[in-house]
Every structure is written in C-alpha cells, then in structure tokens.
Amino acid sequence: MAGVGLFLALIPYALSANTDGEEDRIVIAPLGNTDFEVIQGTNFGAAEYWCGAATYVERRRGWPETTPIYVKKPEGPSATAPGRKSVIFTTAPTDVAQAPSGLTLSVRKAGAMRKSAVARRYCRDAFTRSTK
C-alpha cells in the first residue's frame, strides 16, 4: 500500500508540462548578432519554429521575453543544413518589411512578428498539445 501512496503523490509531477528537453533538441544556427535560423525537425510546423525562436532569444541569448522576433526569410531551404528546411528569424528588422501578424500562426511571410513571450507559448502547444 505504501507504494500506491507514493505513486499517487508523484502524479502531479508526471503531468506537468515541462518542455525543456524538447526545446533543447531544436536545432538553431546563429547567423550573426541578431539573425538566426531554426532548422526543421520531425513534424515541424509554425508552432515549433516560433518555439525555437523564443528558445534562442530567451534561453540561449538571455534576452528579455519582451523582445520582438520577426520572420526574416520564410520557410525554405536551410542556409546552414543542406537538404533541410528552415526559417530565418531576426530581432532587428531593419531590412524586413513588417507584415500584419493577424490571428493565423504562420512562418510563410517575411515580416511576421511575435514577442518572445507569445512565441514561448507555442512551445507547450508544440510539445504537449495542451495550453496548460
């Protein structure tokens, strides 16, 4: 019976939506001080690309969650990983015309923008398929 109690006590920890491991496996290539490439992984969609962008900005660069992230080059052939697709993002959109972000999540238009905190929310959607 003691084993059952321990099992029940650990259930909340097992059900938490920690995505750190999945985020760490996203391949991201820096392309300068403000540009970076998120390389497509298995079953990648727009949510995974935006999650990768937020991961790079917040966890790998240590920038604040208020940092705006822009699609510089929409999904297409990778600049650093031959044979793979990627999206190039930037935090300095000086040469990128800003596009209306709208309600549709996409990485198919240059200039689409999300704040890092908003992009971070897609990590839970991408890896746990919940909006905890």
N, C-alpha and C. Protein backbone atom coordinates (compact mmCIF):
# COMPACT_ATOMS: atom_id res chain seq x y z
N MET A 1 0.81 -1.20 0.00
CA MET A 1 0.00 0.00 0.00
C MET A 1 0.85 1.25 0.00
N ALA A 2 2.01 1.24 0.62
CA ALA A 2 2.87 2.42 0.66
C ALA A 2 3.30 2.80 -0.75
N GLY A 3 3.49 1.82 -1.62
CA GLY A 3 3.88 2.10 -3.00
C GLY A 3 2.80 2.84 -3.75
N VAL A 4 1.54 2.51 -3.47
CA VAL A 4 0.42 3.18 -4.13
C VAL A 4 0.37 4.65 -3.71
N GLY A 5 0.61 4.92 -2.44
CA GLY A 5 0.61 6.30 -1.95
C GLY A 5 1.70 7.12 -2.60
N LEU A 6 2.87 6.53 -2.74
CA LEU A 6 3.98 7.22 -3.39
C LEU A 6 3.66 7.48 -4.85
N PHE A 7 3.08 6.50 -5.51
CA PHE A 7 2.68 6.65 -6.91
C PHE A 7 1.71 7.81 -7.07
N LEU A 8 0.69 7.86 -6.21
CA LEU A 8 -0.31 8.92 -6.28
C LEU A 8 0.29 10.28 -5.97
N ALA A 9 1.26 10.31 -5.10
CA ALA A 9 1.91 11.58 -4.74
C ALA A 9 2.74 12.12 -5.90
N LEU A 10 3.24 11.25 -6.76
CA LEU A 10 4.11 11.69 -7.86
C LEU A 10 3.34 12.04 -9.13
N ILE A 11 2.06 11.73 -9.19
CA ILE A 11 1.28 12.00 -10.39
C ILE A 11 1.33 13.47 -10.82
N PRO A 12 1.16 14.45 -9.91
CA PRO A 12 1.21 15.84 -10.38
C PRO A 12 2.52 16.20 -11.07
N TYR A 13 3.63 15.64 -10.62
CA TYR A 13 4.92 15.93 -11.25
C TYR A 13 5.00 15.30 -12.64
N ALA A 14 4.45 14.15 -12.79
CA ALA A 14 4.48 13.48 -14.09
C ALA A 14 3.60 14.18 -15.10
N LEU A 15 2.56 14.86 -14.65
CA LEU A 15 1.62 15.51 -15.56
C LEU A 15 2.00 16.94 -15.89
N SER A 16 3.03 17.49 -15.25
CA SER A 16 3.40 18.87 -15.55
C SER A 16 3.94 18.97 -16.97
N ALA A 17 3.75 20.13 -17.58
CA ALA A 17 4.09 20.32 -19.00
C ALA A 17 5.45 20.98 -19.13
N ASN A 18 6.49 20.32 -18.73
CA ASN A 18 7.83 20.85 -18.86
C ASN A 18 8.36 20.47 -20.23
N THR A 19 8.70 21.47 -21.04
CA THR A 19 9.14 21.21 -22.42
C THR A 19 10.62 21.46 -22.60
N ASP A 20 11.37 21.64 -21.50
CA ASP A 20 12.79 21.99 -21.63
C ASP A 20 13.56 21.00 -22.49
N GLY A 21 13.37 19.72 -22.32
CA GLY A 21 14.11 18.72 -23.09
C GLY A 21 13.83 18.82 -24.58
N GLU A 22 12.57 19.00 -24.92
CA GLU A 22 12.21 19.12 -26.33
C GLU A 22 12.78 20.39 -26.94
N GLU A 23 12.71 21.49 -26.19
CA GLU A 23 13.24 22.75 -26.68
C GLU A 23 14.74 22.67 -26.91
N ASP A 24 15.44 21.98 -26.05
CA ASP A 24 16.89 21.87 -26.19
C ASP A 24 17.30 21.08 -27.43
N ARG A 25 16.40 20.29 -27.96
CA ARG A 25 16.72 19.49 -29.15
C ARG A 25 16.45 20.23 -30.46
N ILE A 26 15.85 21.42 -30.37
CA ILE A 26 15.61 22.20 -31.59
C ILE A 26 16.96 22.71 -32.10
N VAL A 27 17.22 22.49 -33.38
CA VAL A 27 18.49 22.91 -33.97
C VAL A 27 18.36 24.36 -34.41
N ILE A 28 19.22 25.21 -33.85
CA ILE A 28 19.20 26.63 -34.14
C ILE A 28 20.62 27.07 -34.46
N ALA A 29 20.77 27.75 -35.60
CA ALA A 29 22.09 28.21 -36.04
C ALA A 29 22.14 29.73 -36.00
N PRO A 30 23.02 30.30 -35.19
CA PRO A 30 23.19 31.75 -35.21
C PRO A 30 23.73 32.20 -36.57
N LEU A 31 23.24 33.32 -37.07
CA LEU A 31 23.69 33.85 -38.36
C LEU A 31 24.21 35.28 -38.20
N GLY A 32 24.65 35.61 -37.04
CA GLY A 32 25.10 36.96 -36.73
C GLY A 32 24.58 37.35 -35.37
N ASN A 33 24.67 38.63 -35.05
CA ASN A 33 24.26 39.08 -33.73
C ASN A 33 22.74 39.07 -33.54
N THR A 34 21.99 39.33 -34.60
CA THR A 34 20.53 39.43 -34.44
C THR A 34 19.74 38.44 -35.29
N ASP A 35 20.40 37.75 -36.21
CA ASP A 35 19.72 36.78 -37.09
C ASP A 35 20.06 35.36 -36.67
N PHE A 36 19.09 34.46 -36.83
CA PHE A 36 19.32 33.06 -36.52
C PHE A 36 18.36 32.21 -37.32
N GLU A 37 18.75 30.96 -37.51
CA GLU A 37 17.97 30.02 -38.32
C GLU A 37 17.47 28.88 -37.45
N VAL A 38 16.17 28.63 -37.50
CA VAL A 38 15.58 27.48 -36.83
C VAL A 38 15.37 26.42 -37.90
N ILE A 39 16.06 25.30 -37.73
CA ILE A 39 16.06 24.23 -38.74
C ILE A 39 14.94 23.24 -38.43
N GLN A 40 14.23 22.88 -39.48
CA GLN A 40 13.07 22.00 -39.36
C GLN A 40 13.45 20.65 -38.75
N GLY A 41 12.65 20.22 -37.80
CA GLY A 41 12.79 18.90 -37.21
C GLY A 41 11.63 18.02 -37.67
N THR A 42 11.50 16.88 -37.05
CA THR A 42 10.43 15.95 -37.39
C THR A 42 9.08 16.56 -37.01
N ASN A 43 8.13 16.51 -37.94
CA ASN A 43 6.77 17.01 -37.72
C ASN A 43 6.73 18.48 -37.32
N PHE A 44 7.62 19.28 -37.86
CA PHE A 44 7.66 20.71 -37.54
C PHE A 44 6.57 21.45 -38.27
N GLY A 45 5.95 22.36 -37.56
CA GLY A 45 5.01 23.30 -38.14
C GLY A 45 5.34 24.68 -37.61
N ALA A 46 4.46 25.62 -37.82
CA ALA A 46 4.72 27.00 -37.40
C ALA A 46 4.97 27.10 -35.89
N ALA A 47 4.23 26.35 -35.09
CA ALA A 47 4.39 26.42 -33.63
C ALA A 47 5.80 26.03 -33.21
N GLU A 48 6.36 25.01 -33.81
CA GLU A 48 7.71 24.57 -33.45
C GLU A 48 8.76 25.60 -33.86
N TYR A 49 8.57 26.21 -35.03
CA TYR A 49 9.51 27.25 -35.44
C TYR A 49 9.49 28.43 -34.47
N TRP A 50 8.29 28.91 -34.11
CA TRP A 50 8.19 30.03 -33.18
C TRP A 50 8.73 29.64 -31.81
N CYS A 51 8.48 28.42 -31.38
CA CYS A 51 9.04 27.94 -30.11
C CYS A 51 10.56 27.98 -30.16
N GLY A 52 11.13 27.52 -31.26
CA GLY A 52 12.58 27.56 -31.42
C GLY A 52 13.11 28.97 -31.37
N ALA A 53 12.39 29.90 -31.98
CA ALA A 53 12.82 31.31 -31.98
C ALA A 53 12.82 31.85 -30.55
N ALA A 54 11.78 31.57 -29.79
CA ALA A 54 11.71 32.03 -28.39
C ALA A 54 12.80 31.38 -27.55
N THR A 55 13.05 30.11 -27.80
CA THR A 55 14.10 29.39 -27.07
C THR A 55 15.45 30.05 -27.30
N TYR A 56 15.74 30.39 -28.56
CA TYR A 56 17.01 31.04 -28.88
C TYR A 56 17.12 32.40 -28.19
N VAL A 57 16.07 33.20 -28.31
CA VAL A 57 16.10 34.55 -27.75
C VAL A 57 16.23 34.54 -26.23
N GLU A 58 15.40 33.76 -25.56
CA GLU A 58 15.35 33.80 -24.10
C GLU A 58 16.39 32.91 -23.43
N ARG A 59 16.49 31.67 -23.85
CA ARG A 59 17.32 30.71 -23.13
C ARG A 59 18.77 30.70 -23.60
N ARG A 60 18.97 30.88 -24.89
CA ARG A 60 20.34 30.79 -25.40
C ARG A 60 21.04 32.15 -25.46
N ARG A 61 20.27 33.23 -25.67
CA ARG A 61 20.87 34.56 -25.70
C ARG A 61 20.65 35.33 -24.40
N GLY A 62 19.64 34.94 -23.63
CA GLY A 62 19.37 35.62 -22.37
C GLY A 62 18.68 36.97 -22.54
N TRP A 63 18.04 37.17 -23.69
CA TRP A 63 17.33 38.42 -23.93
C TRP A 63 15.96 38.37 -23.26
N PRO A 64 15.36 39.53 -23.00
CA PRO A 64 14.06 39.55 -22.30
C PRO A 64 12.92 38.98 -23.14
N GLU A 65 11.88 38.56 -22.44
CA GLU A 65 10.72 37.97 -23.12
C GLU A 65 9.91 39.01 -23.89
N THR A 66 10.24 40.28 -23.73
CA THR A 66 9.56 41.34 -24.49
C THR A 66 10.22 41.59 -25.85
N THR A 67 11.28 40.84 -26.16
CA THR A 67 11.99 41.01 -27.41
C THR A 67 11.10 40.64 -28.60
N PRO A 68 10.93 41.54 -29.56
CA PRO A 68 10.17 41.17 -30.76
C PRO A 68 11.01 40.29 -31.67
N ILE A 69 10.38 39.27 -32.23
CA ILE A 69 11.04 38.34 -33.15
C ILE A 69 10.30 38.42 -34.48
N TYR A 70 11.05 38.58 -35.56
CA TYR A 70 10.46 38.73 -36.89
C TYR A 70 10.91 37.59 -37.80
N VAL A 71 10.03 37.16 -38.68
CA VAL A 71 10.42 36.22 -39.74
C VAL A 71 11.17 37.06 -40.77
N LYS A 72 12.43 36.74 -40.97
CA LYS A 72 13.24 37.46 -41.97
C LYS A 72 13.14 36.78 -43.32
N LYS A 73 13.25 35.45 -43.29
CA LYS A 73 13.13 34.65 -44.52
C LYS A 73 12.17 33.51 -44.22
N PRO A 74 11.05 33.45 -44.93
CA PRO A 74 10.05 32.41 -44.66
C PRO A 74 10.61 30.99 -44.87
N GLU A 75 9.83 30.03 -44.48
CA GLU A 75 10.24 28.63 -44.60
C GLU A 75 10.72 28.33 -46.02
N GLY A 76 11.90 27.75 -46.08
CA GLY A 76 12.51 27.41 -47.36
C GLY A 76 13.77 26.61 -47.11
N PRO A 77 14.60 26.43 -48.13
CA PRO A 77 15.84 25.67 -47.96
C PRO A 77 16.74 26.30 -46.89
N SER A 78 17.34 25.46 -46.07
CA SER A 78 18.20 25.92 -44.99
C SER A 78 19.48 26.53 -45.54
N ALA A 79 19.95 27.57 -44.86
CA ALA A 79 21.21 28.21 -45.22
C ALA A 79 22.41 27.45 -44.63
N THR A 80 22.18 26.69 -43.57
CA THR A 80 23.30 26.03 -42.89
C THR A 80 23.20 24.50 -42.85
N ALA A 81 22.05 23.95 -43.17
CA ALA A 81 21.86 22.49 -43.14
C ALA A 81 21.33 22.03 -44.50
N PRO A 82 22.23 21.69 -45.41
CA PRO A 82 21.81 21.28 -46.76
C PRO A 82 20.78 20.15 -46.73
N GLY A 83 19.76 20.29 -47.58
CA GLY A 83 18.73 19.27 -47.68
C GLY A 83 17.61 19.41 -46.67
N ARG A 84 17.69 20.42 -45.80
CA ARG A 84 16.64 20.61 -44.79
C ARG A 84 15.99 21.97 -44.99
N LYS A 85 14.81 22.11 -44.43
CA LYS A 85 14.10 23.38 -44.47
C LYS A 85 14.37 24.15 -43.19
N SER A 86 14.14 25.46 -43.25
CA SER A 86 14.33 26.29 -42.08
C SER A 86 13.56 27.59 -42.23
N VAL A 87 13.55 28.35 -41.15
CA VAL A 87 13.04 29.72 -41.15
C VAL A 87 14.14 30.57 -40.53
N ILE A 88 14.42 31.71 -41.16
CA ILE A 88 15.39 32.65 -40.60
C ILE A 88 14.62 33.76 -39.90
N PHE A 89 14.97 33.96 -38.64
CA PHE A 89 14.34 34.98 -37.81
C PHE A 89 15.36 36.08 -37.52
N THR A 90 14.86 37.24 -37.11
CA THR A 90 15.73 38.34 -36.72
C THR A 90 15.09 39.11 -35.57
N THR A 91 15.92 39.76 -34.79
CA THR A 91 15.41 40.64 -33.74
C THR A 91 15.65 42.10 -34.13
N ALA A 92 16.23 42.33 -35.30
CA ALA A 92 16.49 43.68 -35.80
C ALA A 92 15.96 43.78 -37.23
N PRO A 93 14.70 44.12 -37.38
CA PRO A 93 14.06 44.06 -38.70
C PRO A 93 14.33 45.26 -39.61
N THR A 94 15.56 45.75 -39.62
CA THR A 94 15.86 46.95 -40.40
C THR A 94 15.63 46.76 -41.89
N ASP A 95 15.85 45.57 -42.40
CA ASP A 95 15.67 45.33 -43.84
C ASP A 95 14.49 44.39 -44.13
N VAL A 96 13.56 44.32 -43.18
CA VAL A 96 12.39 43.44 -43.34
C VAL A 96 11.13 44.29 -43.23
N ALA A 97 10.30 44.26 -44.27
CA ALA A 97 9.02 44.95 -44.21
C ALA A 97 8.11 44.22 -43.23
N GLN A 98 7.57 44.92 -42.27
CA GLN A 98 6.72 44.27 -41.28
C GLN A 98 5.35 43.95 -41.88
N ALA A 99 4.94 42.73 -41.66
CA ALA A 99 3.64 42.25 -42.15
C ALA A 99 2.67 42.19 -40.97
N PRO A 100 1.40 42.39 -41.24
CA PRO A 100 0.44 42.25 -40.14
C PRO A 100 0.46 40.81 -39.62
N SER A 101 0.59 40.65 -38.30
CA SER A 101 0.68 39.30 -37.73
C SER A 101 -0.65 38.58 -37.76
N GLY A 102 -1.73 39.28 -37.51
CA GLY A 102 -3.04 38.65 -37.55
C GLY A 102 -3.19 37.54 -36.54
N LEU A 103 -4.21 36.75 -36.73
CA LEU A 103 -4.51 35.67 -35.80
C LEU A 103 -3.97 34.32 -36.27
N THR A 104 -3.56 34.24 -37.52
CA THR A 104 -3.07 32.98 -38.06
C THR A 104 -1.60 32.81 -37.74
N LEU A 105 -1.25 31.66 -37.21
CA LEU A 105 0.14 31.36 -36.90
C LEU A 105 0.82 30.86 -38.16
N SER A 106 1.85 31.58 -38.61
CA SER A 106 2.49 31.22 -39.85
C SER A 106 3.96 31.63 -39.84
N VAL A 107 4.74 30.95 -40.64
CA VAL A 107 6.13 31.34 -40.89
C VAL A 107 6.36 31.45 -42.39
N ARG A 108 5.30 31.73 -43.12
CA ARG A 108 5.36 31.77 -44.58
C ARG A 108 5.42 33.19 -45.14
N LYS A 109 5.44 34.20 -44.26
CA LYS A 109 5.52 35.59 -44.70
C LYS A 109 6.65 36.31 -43.98
N ALA A 110 7.54 36.91 -44.73
CA ALA A 110 8.57 37.74 -44.11
C ALA A 110 7.90 38.92 -43.43
N GLY A 111 8.41 39.29 -42.28
CA GLY A 111 7.88 40.42 -41.54
C GLY A 111 6.89 40.06 -40.46
N ALA A 112 6.42 38.81 -40.42
CA ALA A 112 5.52 38.39 -39.35
C ALA A 112 6.27 38.53 -38.03
N MET A 113 5.59 39.00 -36.98
CA MET A 113 6.26 39.27 -35.72
C MET A 113 5.47 38.70 -34.55
N ARG A 114 6.20 38.19 -33.58
CA ARG A 114 5.65 37.78 -32.29
C ARG A 114 6.65 38.23 -31.23
N LYS A 115 6.15 38.69 -30.10
CA LYS A 115 7.03 38.94 -28.96
C LYS A 115 7.50 37.57 -28.46
N SER A 116 8.66 37.53 -27.87
CA SER A 116 9.21 36.26 -27.41
C SER A 116 8.27 35.55 -26.44
N ALA A 117 7.65 36.29 -25.54
CA ALA A 117 6.73 35.67 -24.57
C ALA A 117 5.56 34.99 -25.27
N VAL A 118 5.07 35.58 -26.35
CA VAL A 118 3.97 34.97 -27.10
C VAL A 118 4.47 33.73 -27.83
N ALA A 119 5.64 33.84 -28.45
CA ALA A 119 6.22 32.69 -29.16
C ALA A 119 6.50 31.54 -28.19
N ARG A 120 6.87 31.86 -26.96
CA ARG A 120 7.15 30.84 -25.95
C ARG A 120 5.92 29.98 -25.68
N ARG A 121 4.74 30.58 -25.75
CA ARG A 121 3.50 29.81 -25.50
C ARG A 121 3.34 28.67 -26.49
N TYR A 122 3.89 28.83 -27.68
CA TYR A 122 3.76 27.78 -28.69
C TYR A 122 4.59 26.55 -28.34
N CYS A 123 5.53 26.68 -27.42
CA CYS A 123 6.31 25.51 -27.00
C CYS A 123 5.41 24.48 -26.34
N ARG A 124 4.52 24.92 -25.48
CA ARG A 124 3.59 23.98 -24.84
C ARG A 124 2.67 23.36 -25.88
N ASP A 125 2.19 24.21 -26.81
CA ASP A 125 1.30 23.68 -27.85
C ASP A 125 2.03 22.67 -28.72
N ALA A 126 3.28 22.97 -29.05
CA ALA A 126 4.03 22.13 -29.96
C ALA A 126 4.40 20.78 -29.34
N PHE A 127 4.75 20.79 -28.05
CA PHE A 127 5.29 19.58 -27.46
C PHE A 127 4.34 18.85 -26.51
N THR A 128 3.32 19.53 -26.02
CA THR A 128 2.39 18.82 -25.13
C THR A 128 0.99 18.80 -25.69
N ARG A 129 0.77 19.59 -26.74
CA ARG A 129 -0.55 19.69 -27.37
C ARG A 129 -1.63 20.08 -26.36
N SER A 130 -1.22 20.93 -25.40
CA SER A 130 -2.18 21.50 -24.47
C SER A 130 -1.83 22.96 -24.28
N THR A 131 -2.72 23.70 -23.69
CA THR A 131 -2.45 25.10 -23.39
C THR A 131 -2.52 25.31 -21.89
N LYS A 132 -1.81 24.48 -21.19
CA LYS A 132 -1.83 24.47 -19.73
C LYS A 132 -1.64 25.85 -19.14
